[in-house]
N, C-alpha and C. Protein backbone atom coordinates (compact mmCIF):
# COMPACT_ATOMS: atom_id res chain seq x y z
N MET A 1 0.83 -1.16 -0.12
CA MET A 1 0.25 0.04 -0.06
C MET A 1 0.98 1.31 -0.14
N ARG A 2 0.60 2.30 -0.66
CA ARG A 2 1.26 3.63 -0.80
C ARG A 2 0.48 4.79 -0.16
N SER A 3 1.14 5.59 0.74
CA SER A 3 0.67 6.38 1.58
C SER A 3 1.39 7.69 0.81
N ILE A 4 1.08 9.10 0.92
CA ILE A 4 1.37 10.30 1.00
C ILE A 4 1.02 11.10 2.36
N ILE A 5 2.03 11.29 3.02
CA ILE A 5 1.58 12.01 4.20
C ILE A 5 1.94 13.62 4.06
N ILE A 6 0.97 14.45 4.22
CA ILE A 6 1.54 15.75 4.13
C ILE A 6 1.64 16.63 5.29
N GLY A 7 2.83 16.90 5.81
CA GLY A 7 2.90 17.45 7.36
C GLY A 7 3.86 16.98 7.66
N GLY A 8 4.96 17.49 7.96
CA GLY A 8 6.31 16.71 8.97
C GLY A 8 6.73 16.87 10.29
N GLY A 9 5.20 17.54 11.11
CA GLY A 9 5.61 17.48 12.23
C GLY A 9 5.69 16.23 13.27
N LYS A 10 5.23 16.14 14.35
CA LYS A 10 5.32 15.08 15.22
C LYS A 10 3.97 14.08 14.80
N VAL A 11 3.28 14.38 14.19
CA VAL A 11 2.27 13.79 13.78
C VAL A 11 2.52 12.97 12.67
N GLY A 12 2.98 13.62 11.74
CA GLY A 12 3.81 13.20 10.42
C GLY A 12 4.72 12.15 10.42
N TYR A 13 5.23 12.61 11.64
CA TYR A 13 6.61 11.83 11.88
C TYR A 13 5.78 10.24 12.50
N TYR A 14 5.12 10.44 13.57
CA TYR A 14 4.64 9.60 14.08
C TYR A 14 3.83 8.51 13.23
N LEU A 15 3.04 9.08 12.25
CA LEU A 15 2.43 8.35 11.07
C LEU A 15 3.34 7.47 10.21
N SER A 16 4.10 8.33 9.73
CA SER A 16 5.38 7.37 8.71
C SER A 16 5.86 6.21 9.18
N LYS A 17 6.50 6.69 10.59
CA LYS A 17 6.90 5.76 11.31
C LYS A 17 5.96 3.85 11.69
N THR A 18 4.85 4.40 12.40
CA THR A 18 4.32 3.35 12.30
C THR A 18 3.26 2.70 10.75
N LEU A 19 2.95 3.68 10.19
CA LEU A 19 3.18 2.81 8.79
C LEU A 19 3.83 2.07 8.15
N LEU A 20 5.24 2.22 8.18
CA LEU A 20 6.46 1.78 7.66
C LEU A 20 6.79 0.36 8.30
N GLU A 21 6.11 0.36 10.11
CA GLU A 21 6.29 -0.79 10.47
C GLU A 21 5.09 -1.67 10.46
N ARG A 22 4.05 -1.33 9.05
CA ARG A 22 2.95 -1.88 8.37
C ARG A 22 3.17 -2.49 7.30
N ASN A 23 4.47 -1.96 6.91
CA ASN A 23 4.62 -2.13 5.28
C ASN A 23 4.04 -1.36 4.40
N TYR A 24 3.87 -0.33 4.58
CA TYR A 24 3.35 0.89 3.57
C TYR A 24 4.65 1.18 2.88
N ASP A 25 4.58 1.68 1.41
CA ASP A 25 5.25 2.55 1.07
C ASP A 25 5.06 3.96 1.18
N VAL A 26 5.86 4.90 1.75
CA VAL A 26 5.29 5.93 2.53
C VAL A 26 6.43 6.89 1.79
N SER A 27 5.33 8.37 1.29
CA SER A 27 6.21 9.35 1.04
C SER A 27 5.57 10.42 1.72
N VAL A 28 6.78 11.71 2.11
CA VAL A 28 6.18 12.52 3.18
C VAL A 28 6.27 13.74 2.21
N ILE A 29 5.33 14.71 2.29
CA ILE A 29 5.54 16.23 1.50
C ILE A 29 5.59 17.38 2.76
N GLU A 30 6.57 18.23 3.02
CA GLU A 30 7.05 18.69 3.96
C GLU A 30 7.96 20.40 3.39
N LYS A 31 7.47 21.67 3.69
CA LYS A 31 7.66 22.96 3.32
C LYS A 31 9.27 22.96 3.67
N GLU A 32 9.59 22.57 5.44
CA GLU A 32 10.87 22.80 5.91
C GLU A 32 11.80 21.89 5.44
N LYS A 33 12.79 22.87 5.13
CA LYS A 33 14.55 21.82 4.62
C LYS A 33 14.95 21.13 5.55
N SER A 34 15.15 21.81 7.18
CA SER A 34 15.48 20.89 7.79
C SER A 34 14.71 19.52 8.28
N VAL A 35 13.47 19.72 8.16
CA VAL A 35 12.24 18.63 8.58
C VAL A 35 12.49 17.74 7.67
N CYS A 36 12.60 18.09 6.46
CA CYS A 36 12.66 17.02 5.47
C CYS A 36 14.30 16.10 5.44
N GLN A 37 15.31 17.02 5.65
CA GLN A 37 16.32 16.32 5.97
C GLN A 37 16.23 15.27 7.42
N TYR A 38 15.51 15.75 8.39
CA TYR A 38 15.56 15.10 9.55
C TYR A 38 14.77 13.27 9.32
N PHE A 39 13.59 13.57 8.57
CA PHE A 39 12.75 12.26 7.79
C PHE A 39 13.81 11.55 7.06
N ALA A 40 14.61 11.75 6.09
CA ALA A 40 15.24 11.49 5.22
C ALA A 40 16.45 10.40 6.18
N ASN A 41 16.63 11.06 7.06
CA ASN A 41 18.23 10.67 7.63
C ASN A 41 17.28 9.76 8.98
N THR A 42 16.32 9.88 9.14
CA THR A 42 15.79 8.51 10.14
C THR A 42 15.06 7.54 9.70
N LEU A 43 14.05 7.80 8.84
CA LEU A 43 12.88 7.11 8.10
C LEU A 43 13.13 6.71 6.69
N ASP A 44 12.84 5.65 6.25
CA ASP A 44 13.17 5.01 4.83
C ASP A 44 12.02 5.22 4.10
N VAL A 45 11.80 6.70 3.84
CA VAL A 45 10.47 7.09 3.63
C VAL A 45 11.12 8.23 2.25
N THR A 46 10.46 8.38 1.13
CA THR A 46 10.61 9.02 0.08
C THR A 46 10.01 10.70 0.53
N VAL A 47 10.72 11.47 0.58
CA VAL A 47 10.74 13.10 1.13
C VAL A 47 11.09 13.90 0.04
N VAL A 48 9.57 14.91 0.05
CA VAL A 48 9.48 15.77 -1.09
C VAL A 48 9.31 16.88 -0.75
N LEU A 49 10.41 18.11 -0.71
CA LEU A 49 10.43 19.33 0.02
C LEU A 49 9.60 20.35 -0.82
N GLY A 50 8.20 20.62 -0.30
CA GLY A 50 7.32 21.60 -1.43
C GLY A 50 6.12 21.89 -0.25
N ASP A 51 5.15 22.48 -0.74
CA ASP A 51 3.91 22.93 -0.57
C ASP A 51 2.88 21.63 -1.02
N GLY A 52 2.44 21.35 0.31
CA GLY A 52 1.57 19.74 -0.20
C GLY A 52 0.32 19.93 -0.60
N SER A 53 -0.37 21.39 -0.75
CA SER A 53 -1.61 21.90 -1.30
C SER A 53 -1.32 22.09 -2.47
N THR A 54 -0.30 21.95 -3.24
CA THR A 54 -0.13 22.44 -4.64
C THR A 54 0.02 21.11 -5.37
N ALA A 55 -0.83 20.92 -6.66
CA ALA A 55 -0.74 19.62 -7.71
C ALA A 55 0.99 19.22 -7.87
N LYS A 56 1.78 20.34 -8.23
CA LYS A 56 2.90 19.91 -8.29
C LYS A 56 3.74 18.93 -7.25
N ALA A 57 3.42 19.27 -6.20
CA ALA A 57 4.03 18.36 -4.94
C ALA A 57 3.70 17.49 -4.88
N LEU A 58 2.08 17.12 -5.10
CA LEU A 58 1.26 15.84 -4.89
C LEU A 58 2.01 14.81 -6.00
N LYS A 59 2.06 15.57 -7.18
CA LYS A 59 2.57 14.59 -8.24
C LYS A 59 4.21 14.06 -8.20
N LYS A 60 4.67 15.31 -7.50
CA LYS A 60 6.50 14.50 -7.20
C LYS A 60 6.18 14.05 -6.32
N ALA A 61 5.39 13.82 -5.37
CA ALA A 61 5.23 12.40 -4.39
C ALA A 61 4.69 11.21 -4.91
N GLY A 62 4.07 11.28 -6.01
CA GLY A 62 3.59 10.18 -6.52
C GLY A 62 1.65 9.65 -6.16
N ALA A 63 1.35 10.98 -6.15
CA ALA A 63 0.00 10.60 -5.76
C ALA A 63 -1.16 10.31 -6.87
N GLU A 64 -0.43 10.29 -8.54
CA GLU A 64 -1.09 9.21 -9.32
C GLU A 64 -1.08 7.73 -8.78
N LYS A 65 -0.07 7.25 -8.19
CA LYS A 65 -0.38 5.76 -8.15
C LYS A 65 -0.22 5.38 -6.37
N CYS A 66 -0.82 6.69 -5.95
CA CYS A 66 -0.64 5.93 -4.40
C CYS A 66 -2.21 5.82 -3.87
N ASP A 67 -2.42 4.78 -2.55
CA ASP A 67 -3.68 4.56 -2.16
C ASP A 67 -4.49 5.65 -1.03
N SER A 68 -3.55 6.54 -0.44
CA SER A 68 -4.35 7.09 0.23
C SER A 68 -3.45 8.43 0.37
N VAL A 69 -3.90 9.54 0.95
CA VAL A 69 -3.33 10.70 0.95
C VAL A 69 -3.43 11.42 2.62
N ILE A 70 -2.91 11.46 3.42
CA ILE A 70 -2.96 11.76 4.65
C ILE A 70 -2.66 13.47 4.77
N ALA A 71 -3.54 13.83 5.12
CA ALA A 71 -3.19 15.82 5.56
C ALA A 71 -3.14 15.83 6.86
N VAL A 72 -1.91 16.20 7.48
CA VAL A 72 -1.73 16.47 8.57
C VAL A 72 -0.99 17.66 9.47
N THR A 73 -1.13 18.88 8.20
CA THR A 73 -0.78 19.93 8.40
C THR A 73 -1.76 20.52 9.90
N GLY A 74 -1.34 21.80 10.38
CA GLY A 74 -1.84 22.51 11.62
C GLY A 74 -3.08 22.87 11.07
N GLU A 75 -3.54 23.45 9.89
CA GLU A 75 -4.70 24.26 9.33
C GLU A 75 -5.67 23.27 9.29
N ASP A 76 -6.77 23.41 9.40
CA ASP A 76 -7.50 22.44 8.64
C ASP A 76 -7.93 22.70 7.48
N GLU A 77 -8.12 24.21 6.89
CA GLU A 77 -8.34 24.55 5.88
C GLU A 77 -7.25 23.87 4.45
N VAL A 78 -6.03 23.67 5.17
CA VAL A 78 -5.51 22.90 4.17
C VAL A 78 -5.32 21.92 3.86
N ASN A 79 -5.54 21.57 4.87
CA ASN A 79 -5.98 19.95 4.80
C ASN A 79 -7.20 19.63 4.31
N LEU A 80 -8.18 20.25 4.02
CA LEU A 80 -9.10 20.36 3.75
C LEU A 80 -8.71 19.91 2.03
N VAL A 81 -8.17 21.41 1.45
CA VAL A 81 -7.74 21.62 0.04
C VAL A 81 -6.40 20.37 -0.29
N ILE A 82 -5.78 19.98 0.00
CA ILE A 82 -5.12 18.79 -0.12
C ILE A 82 -5.63 17.50 -0.69
N CYS A 83 -6.76 17.39 0.65
CA CYS A 83 -7.83 16.16 0.21
C CYS A 83 -8.61 16.37 -1.10
N GLN A 84 -9.18 17.59 -1.27
CA GLN A 84 -10.07 17.76 -2.32
C GLN A 84 -9.34 17.22 -3.85
N MET A 85 -7.97 18.14 -3.81
CA MET A 85 -7.09 17.94 -4.79
C MET A 85 -7.00 16.50 -5.11
N ALA A 86 -6.38 15.95 -3.70
CA ALA A 86 -6.09 14.63 -4.61
C ALA A 86 -6.81 13.86 -5.14
N LYS A 87 -7.97 14.09 -4.63
CA LYS A 87 -9.26 13.16 -4.80
C LYS A 87 -9.59 13.31 -6.10
N ARG A 88 -9.77 15.13 -7.05
CA ARG A 88 -10.50 15.63 -7.81
C ARG A 88 -9.02 15.17 -9.02
N LEU A 89 -7.81 15.53 -8.73
CA LEU A 89 -6.88 15.61 -9.67
C LEU A 89 -6.19 14.22 -9.91
N PHE A 90 -6.23 13.60 -9.00
CA PHE A 90 -5.10 12.45 -8.87
C PHE A 90 -5.86 11.15 -8.78
N ASP A 91 -7.70 11.35 -8.69
CA ASP A 91 -8.10 10.13 -8.24
C ASP A 91 -7.99 9.09 -7.23
N VAL A 92 -7.16 9.77 -6.37
CA VAL A 92 -6.93 9.05 -4.80
C VAL A 92 -8.13 8.56 -4.33
N GLU A 93 -7.82 6.66 -3.55
CA GLU A 93 -9.27 6.40 -3.44
C GLU A 93 -9.50 6.40 -2.36
N LYS A 94 -8.71 7.01 -1.36
CA LYS A 94 -8.64 7.30 0.27
C LYS A 94 -7.79 8.65 0.64
N THR A 95 -9.05 9.72 1.16
CA THR A 95 -8.31 10.87 1.73
C THR A 95 -8.37 10.74 3.10
N ILE A 96 -7.62 11.47 3.83
CA ILE A 96 -7.63 11.32 5.23
C ILE A 96 -7.31 12.33 5.76
N ALA A 97 -7.71 13.07 6.48
CA ALA A 97 -7.51 14.89 7.10
C ALA A 97 -7.51 14.68 8.59
N LYS A 98 -6.18 15.19 9.14
CA LYS A 98 -6.41 15.36 10.50
C LYS A 98 -7.42 16.82 10.49
N VAL A 99 -8.08 16.72 11.59
CA VAL A 99 -8.87 17.79 12.01
C VAL A 99 -8.14 18.27 13.38
N ASN A 100 -7.96 19.36 13.36
CA ASN A 100 -7.37 20.27 14.69
C ASN A 100 -8.39 20.75 15.54
N ASN A 101 -9.74 21.33 15.05
CA ASN A 101 -11.10 21.90 15.54
C ASN A 101 -11.92 20.81 15.36
N PRO A 102 -12.28 20.16 16.62
CA PRO A 102 -13.51 18.85 16.08
C PRO A 102 -14.37 19.59 15.41
N LYS A 103 -14.79 20.61 15.89
CA LYS A 103 -16.42 21.50 14.94
C LYS A 103 -16.32 21.47 14.06
N ASN A 104 -15.20 20.67 12.70
CA ASN A 104 -15.06 20.86 11.38
C ASN A 104 -15.03 19.67 10.88
N VAL A 105 -15.22 18.56 11.75
CA VAL A 105 -15.04 17.03 11.31
C VAL A 105 -16.14 16.55 10.32
N ASP A 106 -17.56 17.15 10.71
CA ASP A 106 -18.72 16.81 10.02
C ASP A 106 -18.68 17.98 8.56
N THR A 107 -18.28 19.25 8.37
CA THR A 107 -18.17 19.99 7.64
C THR A 107 -16.96 19.60 6.23
N MET A 108 -15.98 19.02 7.11
CA MET A 108 -14.65 18.43 6.21
C MET A 108 -15.49 17.03 5.30
N ARG A 109 -16.28 16.25 6.42
CA ARG A 109 -16.45 15.00 5.34
C ARG A 109 -17.44 15.21 4.44
N PHE A 110 -18.32 16.32 4.52
CA PHE A 110 -19.57 16.96 3.94
C PHE A 110 -18.90 17.41 2.25
N LEU A 111 -17.47 17.83 2.78
CA LEU A 111 -17.06 18.67 1.58
C LEU A 111 -16.19 17.91 0.82
N GLY A 112 -16.29 16.52 0.88
CA GLY A 112 -15.47 15.60 0.27
C GLY A 112 -14.63 14.75 1.11
N VAL A 113 -13.89 14.96 2.14
CA VAL A 113 -12.89 14.01 2.41
C VAL A 113 -13.31 12.83 3.24
N ASP A 114 -12.61 11.85 2.57
CA ASP A 114 -13.54 10.45 3.28
C ASP A 114 -13.03 10.17 4.43
N ILE A 115 -12.13 10.62 5.10
CA ILE A 115 -12.06 10.49 6.85
C ILE A 115 -11.56 11.37 7.12
N ALA A 116 -12.25 12.49 8.22
CA ALA A 116 -11.57 13.29 8.82
C ALA A 116 -11.75 12.95 10.39
N ILE A 117 -10.55 13.16 11.00
CA ILE A 117 -10.71 12.75 12.43
C ILE A 117 -9.80 13.54 13.24
N SER A 118 -9.96 13.70 14.38
CA SER A 118 -9.30 14.43 15.45
C SER A 118 -8.63 13.40 16.12
N GLY A 119 -7.40 13.43 16.31
CA GLY A 119 -6.26 12.63 17.11
C GLY A 119 -5.44 11.49 15.93
N THR A 120 -4.36 11.43 16.48
CA THR A 120 -3.40 10.83 15.83
C THR A 120 -3.84 9.31 16.12
N ASP A 121 -3.81 8.75 17.54
CA ASP A 121 -4.43 7.68 17.47
C ASP A 121 -5.19 7.24 16.44
N ASN A 122 -6.32 8.02 16.70
CA ASN A 122 -7.52 7.79 15.82
C ASN A 122 -7.16 7.41 14.34
N ILE A 123 -6.35 8.44 13.76
CA ILE A 123 -6.10 7.93 12.06
C ILE A 123 -5.15 6.63 12.17
N ILE A 124 -4.57 6.11 13.16
CA ILE A 124 -3.88 4.91 13.06
C ILE A 124 -4.96 3.94 13.06
N LYS A 125 -5.87 4.29 13.76
CA LYS A 125 -6.94 2.77 14.25
C LYS A 125 -8.03 2.81 13.05
N GLN A 126 -8.08 4.43 12.31
CA GLN A 126 -9.08 4.00 11.09
C GLN A 126 -8.22 3.38 9.80
N MET A 127 -6.91 4.12 9.76
CA MET A 127 -6.08 2.95 8.73
C MET A 127 -6.18 1.60 8.57
N GLU A 128 -6.03 1.08 10.06
CA GLU A 128 -6.24 -0.38 10.01
C GLU A 128 -7.65 -0.87 9.30
N ARG A 129 -8.30 -0.40 9.70
CA ARG A 129 -10.06 -0.70 9.56
C ARG A 129 -10.16 -0.92 7.84
N GLU A 130 -9.14 0.15 7.03
CA GLU A 130 -9.19 0.49 5.79
C GLU A 130 -8.72 -0.43 5.31
N VAL A 131 -8.80 -2.03 5.09
CA VAL A 131 -7.87 -3.02 4.75
C VAL A 131 -8.50 -3.43 3.59
N ASP A 132 -8.69 -2.75 2.65
CA ASP A 132 -9.70 -2.90 1.31
C ASP A 132 -8.85 -2.40 0.06
N ASN A 133 -8.31 -3.63 -0.42
CA ASN A 133 -7.09 -3.76 -1.43
C ASN A 133 -8.00 -4.87 -2.41
N SER A 134 -9.52 -4.65 -3.13
CA SER A 134 -10.18 -5.58 -3.55
C SER A 134 -10.26 -6.31 -3.29
N ARG A 135 -9.27 -7.27 -2.47
CA ARG A 135 -9.78 -8.99 -2.37
C ARG A 135 -10.14 -9.34 -1.05
N ILE A 136 -9.69 -7.98 0.09
CA ILE A 136 -10.38 -8.47 1.62
C ILE A 136 -10.95 -6.78 1.78
N LYS A 137 -12.06 -6.62 2.64
CA LYS A 137 -12.41 -5.43 2.96
C LYS A 137 -13.02 -5.76 4.17
N GLU A 138 -13.32 -4.72 4.81
CA GLU A 138 -14.20 -4.72 6.36
C GLU A 138 -15.72 -4.68 5.69
N LEU A 139 -16.48 -5.47 6.27
CA LEU A 139 -17.75 -5.32 5.87
C LEU A 139 -19.00 -4.81 7.35
N MET A 140 -18.41 -4.96 8.35
CA MET A 140 -19.24 -4.71 9.40
C MET A 140 -18.50 -4.99 10.91
N PRO A 141 -18.39 -3.82 11.43
CA PRO A 141 -17.60 -3.91 12.79
C PRO A 141 -18.36 -4.42 14.11
N ILE A 142 -17.47 -5.30 14.68
CA ILE A 142 -18.38 -5.78 15.47
C ILE A 142 -18.11 -4.98 17.04
N ASN A 143 -17.08 -4.46 17.28
CA ASN A 143 -16.55 -3.63 18.66
C ASN A 143 -15.70 -2.78 17.77
N GLY A 144 -14.95 -2.44 18.76
CA GLY A 144 -13.98 -1.33 18.80
C GLY A 144 -12.46 -2.05 17.99
N LYS A 145 -12.49 -3.42 18.12
CA LYS A 145 -11.41 -4.28 17.93
C LYS A 145 -11.71 -5.40 16.81
N THR A 146 -12.73 -5.48 16.64
CA THR A 146 -13.24 -7.12 15.92
C THR A 146 -13.80 -6.38 14.98
N ALA A 147 -14.08 -7.10 14.05
CA ALA A 147 -14.75 -7.12 12.47
C ALA A 147 -15.03 -7.88 11.89
N VAL A 148 -16.09 -8.38 10.78
CA VAL A 148 -16.58 -9.27 9.91
C VAL A 148 -15.55 -8.84 8.38
N PHE A 149 -14.72 -9.57 8.01
CA PHE A 149 -14.46 -9.35 6.57
C PHE A 149 -14.57 -9.98 5.52
N GLU A 150 -14.37 -9.67 4.47
CA GLU A 150 -14.80 -10.37 3.01
C GLU A 150 -13.55 -10.54 2.42
N VAL A 151 -13.53 -11.73 1.86
CA VAL A 151 -11.56 -12.04 1.52
C VAL A 151 -12.50 -12.86 0.08
N ILE A 152 -12.20 -12.28 -1.02
CA ILE A 152 -12.15 -12.97 -2.23
C ILE A 152 -10.80 -13.40 -2.61
N ILE A 153 -10.97 -14.91 -2.90
CA ILE A 153 -9.81 -15.43 -3.16
C ILE A 153 -9.69 -15.78 -4.82
N PRO A 154 -8.20 -15.08 -5.08
CA PRO A 154 -8.02 -15.00 -6.48
C PRO A 154 -8.15 -16.40 -7.59
N GLU A 155 -7.99 -16.01 -8.74
CA GLU A 155 -7.79 -17.23 -9.94
C GLU A 155 -6.43 -17.86 -9.54
N ASN A 156 -6.59 -18.94 -9.88
CA ASN A 156 -4.76 -19.78 -9.70
C ASN A 156 -4.43 -19.47 -8.55
N TYR A 157 -5.11 -20.03 -7.60
CA TYR A 157 -4.87 -19.36 -6.23
C TYR A 157 -3.94 -20.76 -5.40
N VAL A 158 -3.09 -20.04 -4.80
CA VAL A 158 -1.66 -20.89 -4.26
C VAL A 158 -2.40 -22.04 -3.46
N TYR A 159 -3.37 -21.91 -2.53
CA TYR A 159 -3.42 -22.47 -2.01
C TYR A 159 -4.81 -23.37 -2.39
N ASP A 160 -5.19 -23.75 -3.49
CA ASP A 160 -6.35 -24.10 -4.28
C ASP A 160 -6.29 -25.72 -3.69
N GLY A 161 -7.52 -25.90 -3.33
CA GLY A 161 -7.63 -27.38 -2.72
C GLY A 161 -6.99 -27.74 -1.69
N LYS A 162 -6.58 -26.62 -0.73
CA LYS A 162 -5.86 -26.76 0.44
C LYS A 162 -6.88 -27.00 1.58
N MET A 163 -6.84 -27.86 2.50
CA MET A 163 -8.07 -27.77 3.77
C MET A 163 -7.71 -26.74 4.96
N ILE A 164 -8.77 -26.04 4.88
CA ILE A 164 -8.47 -24.94 6.37
C ILE A 164 -7.97 -25.65 7.51
N VAL A 165 -7.57 -26.26 7.63
CA VAL A 165 -7.07 -27.07 9.14
C VAL A 165 -5.39 -26.76 8.58
N ASP A 166 -5.26 -27.00 7.31
CA ASP A 166 -3.50 -26.95 7.06
C ASP A 166 -2.78 -25.37 6.90
N ILE A 167 -4.10 -24.53 7.02
CA ILE A 167 -3.28 -23.06 6.67
C ILE A 167 -3.51 -22.39 8.29
N LYS A 168 -2.55 -21.89 8.68
CA LYS A 168 -2.21 -21.11 9.79
C LYS A 168 -3.07 -19.79 9.67
N LEU A 169 -3.57 -19.67 10.45
CA LEU A 169 -4.64 -18.13 10.46
C LEU A 169 -4.20 -17.38 11.78
N PRO A 170 -4.17 -16.42 12.07
CA PRO A 170 -3.81 -15.40 13.27
C PRO A 170 -4.76 -16.27 14.49
N ASP A 171 -4.25 -16.13 15.51
CA ASP A 171 -5.16 -16.34 17.06
C ASP A 171 -6.71 -15.53 16.87
N GLY A 172 -7.67 -15.71 17.13
CA GLY A 172 -9.04 -15.41 17.08
C GLY A 172 -9.42 -15.12 15.64
N CYS A 173 -9.10 -15.66 14.67
CA CYS A 173 -9.56 -15.28 13.19
C CYS A 173 -10.48 -16.47 13.04
N ASN A 174 -11.43 -16.24 12.55
CA ASN A 174 -11.97 -17.68 12.09
C ASN A 174 -12.84 -17.51 10.92
N ILE A 175 -12.96 -18.21 9.88
CA ILE A 175 -13.54 -18.22 8.46
C ILE A 175 -15.62 -18.92 9.08
N ILE A 176 -16.11 -18.11 8.94
CA ILE A 176 -17.33 -18.36 9.40
C ILE A 176 -18.38 -19.01 7.92
N SER A 177 -18.03 -18.44 6.71
CA SER A 177 -18.49 -18.88 5.98
C SER A 177 -17.71 -19.12 4.28
N ILE A 178 -18.49 -19.71 3.49
CA ILE A 178 -17.70 -19.85 1.96
C ILE A 178 -19.00 -19.85 0.66
N THR A 179 -18.83 -18.69 0.24
CA THR A 179 -19.66 -18.99 -0.88
C THR A 179 -19.16 -19.12 -2.30
N ARG A 180 -19.47 -20.50 -2.83
CA ARG A 180 -18.97 -21.01 -3.99
C ARG A 180 -19.70 -21.29 -5.07
N GLY A 181 -19.77 -19.82 -5.89
CA GLY A 181 -21.20 -20.14 -6.91
C GLY A 181 -22.03 -19.76 -6.30
N GLU A 182 -23.27 -20.42 -6.38
CA GLU A 182 -24.59 -20.16 -5.90
C GLU A 182 -24.88 -20.75 -4.45
N GLU A 183 -23.80 -21.61 -4.11
CA GLU A 183 -23.56 -22.55 -2.91
C GLU A 183 -22.92 -21.68 -1.59
N LEU A 184 -23.98 -22.21 -0.61
CA LEU A 184 -23.39 -21.41 0.80
C LEU A 184 -22.81 -22.11 1.48
N ILE A 185 -21.37 -22.36 2.04
CA ILE A 185 -20.90 -23.56 2.71
C ILE A 185 -20.37 -23.03 4.25
N ILE A 186 -21.01 -23.77 4.99
CA ILE A 186 -20.54 -23.63 6.49
C ILE A 186 -18.98 -24.38 6.84
N PRO A 187 -17.93 -23.74 6.93
CA PRO A 187 -16.83 -24.49 6.82
C PRO A 187 -16.15 -25.18 7.96
N ARG A 188 -15.52 -26.58 7.78
CA ARG A 188 -14.88 -27.43 8.84
C ARG A 188 -13.30 -27.16 8.55
N GLY A 189 -12.94 -27.90 9.60
CA GLY A 189 -11.48 -27.63 9.28
C GLY A 189 -11.27 -28.53 8.26
N ARG A 190 -11.68 -29.41 7.79
CA ARG A 190 -11.46 -30.30 6.46
C ARG A 190 -11.69 -29.86 4.81
N THR A 191 -12.46 -28.61 5.31
CA THR A 191 -13.01 -28.05 3.92
C THR A 191 -11.98 -27.17 3.52
N LYS A 192 -11.72 -27.13 2.19
CA LYS A 192 -10.74 -27.11 1.23
C LYS A 192 -11.42 -25.40 0.50
N LEU A 193 -10.02 -24.75 0.44
CA LEU A 193 -10.40 -23.27 -0.26
C LEU A 193 -10.38 -23.73 -1.75
N LEU A 194 -10.59 -23.41 -2.68
CA LEU A 194 -10.98 -23.03 -4.27
C LEU A 194 -10.75 -21.93 -4.63
N SER A 195 -10.37 -21.62 -5.96
CA SER A 195 -10.09 -20.19 -6.64
C SER A 195 -11.20 -19.59 -6.79
N ASN A 196 -11.63 -18.59 -6.12
CA ASN A 196 -12.91 -17.69 -6.57
C ASN A 196 -13.43 -17.88 -5.35
N ASP A 197 -13.43 -18.62 -4.25
CA ASP A 197 -14.16 -18.70 -3.48
C ASP A 197 -14.18 -17.05 -2.75
N LYS A 198 -15.52 -16.70 -2.05
CA LYS A 198 -16.02 -15.83 -1.48
C LYS A 198 -15.83 -16.13 0.10
N LEU A 199 -15.32 -15.69 1.29
CA LEU A 199 -15.27 -15.95 2.41
C LEU A 199 -15.55 -14.62 3.14
N LEU A 200 -16.00 -15.11 3.87
CA LEU A 200 -16.77 -14.07 5.41
C LEU A 200 -15.94 -14.61 6.82
N ILE A 201 -15.03 -14.05 7.31
CA ILE A 201 -14.29 -14.63 8.32
C ILE A 201 -14.20 -13.08 9.35
N VAL A 202 -14.14 -13.48 10.40
CA VAL A 202 -14.25 -12.84 11.70
C VAL A 202 -13.20 -12.67 12.16
N SER A 203 -12.36 -11.44 12.73
CA SER A 203 -11.12 -11.10 12.96
C SER A 203 -11.07 -10.14 13.89
N SER A 204 -9.65 -9.80 14.22
CA SER A 204 -9.19 -8.73 15.15
C SER A 204 -8.87 -7.63 13.75
N ILE A 205 -9.59 -6.37 14.13
CA ILE A 205 -9.15 -5.88 13.11
C ILE A 205 -7.76 -5.58 12.72
N SER A 206 -6.67 -5.31 14.17
CA SER A 206 -5.26 -5.32 13.86
C SER A 206 -4.66 -6.36 12.89
N ALA A 207 -5.56 -7.74 12.74
CA ALA A 207 -4.57 -8.83 12.44
C ALA A 207 -5.15 -8.77 11.02
N ALA A 208 -5.93 -8.08 10.52
CA ALA A 208 -6.52 -8.15 9.20
C ALA A 208 -5.33 -8.09 8.00
N ASN A 209 -4.55 -7.79 8.10
CA ASN A 209 -3.09 -7.62 7.18
C ASN A 209 -2.60 -9.02 7.32
N GLU A 210 -2.59 -9.44 8.40
CA GLU A 210 -2.06 -10.73 8.58
C GLU A 210 -3.00 -11.48 8.08
N VAL A 211 -3.79 -11.73 8.39
CA VAL A 211 -4.73 -13.17 7.51
C VAL A 211 -4.94 -13.01 6.23
N ARG A 212 -4.46 -11.80 5.56
CA ARG A 212 -4.29 -11.72 4.21
C ARG A 212 -3.06 -12.60 3.52
N LYS A 213 -1.49 -11.88 4.57
CA LYS A 213 -0.47 -12.68 4.48
C LYS A 213 -0.92 -14.32 4.65
N MET A 214 -1.37 -14.77 5.83
CA MET A 214 -1.26 -16.05 5.93
C MET A 214 -2.32 -16.73 4.46
N LEU A 215 -3.45 -15.98 4.39
CA LEU A 215 -3.92 -16.65 3.10
C LEU A 215 -3.63 -16.62 1.88
N LYS A 216 -1.93 -15.71 1.61
CA LYS A 216 -1.24 -15.55 0.71
C LYS A 216 -2.22 -15.01 -0.60
N ILE A 217 -3.01 -13.98 0.32
CA ILE A 217 -3.33 -12.78 -0.81
C ILE A 217 -3.11 -11.76 -1.09
N LYS A 218 -2.56 -11.66 -2.33
CA LYS A 218 -1.85 -10.30 -2.81
C LYS A 218 -2.35 -9.06 -2.81
N LYS A 219 -1.66 -7.83 -2.53
CA LYS A 219 -2.85 -6.61 -2.67
C LYS A 219 -2.92 -6.31 -4.33
């Protein structure tokens, strides 16, 4: 997954570090040269010196190929402009804005920001919930930590014909149903997974990416 973070303060640094730990490809746009140098020297990220609210900087950071743009500057108006530009000019699938004034959350959502949230930790939690790469996506949250996910098994699946019992899944993850054509299957341990199966899985939100890896589902 590719993400661009605009704003190199403490929030931007924490987000970059956390997303790198989750195997994201991260680019950072920042106005201050000294901050850019610090990011480049301490994190394995692509750093762009420039104004993140301009199309030029977003393009240089790779907005045309990224999955999400995260605006975490100290100004809500700037974060809004960045998200709108990313969506309209570069067709970015997911735009996320840090909202410094909680009163602006609803307005920013109304004006087209996909996710407008106040608080760094909430941004990370929301990113974890957005495990959606066309093969695995969250369908229904159960509580703050668990959700039901849909997983679509691809063509020529590496585990085609393999029994569930032989596939190591994270603790607390359970396959609750398999849709195979018109047939609905309630799986057991010896049930086999086949290409094009559609699975419903209950899992902790934090383990969703691990589920994808264990099932050998590519992004």
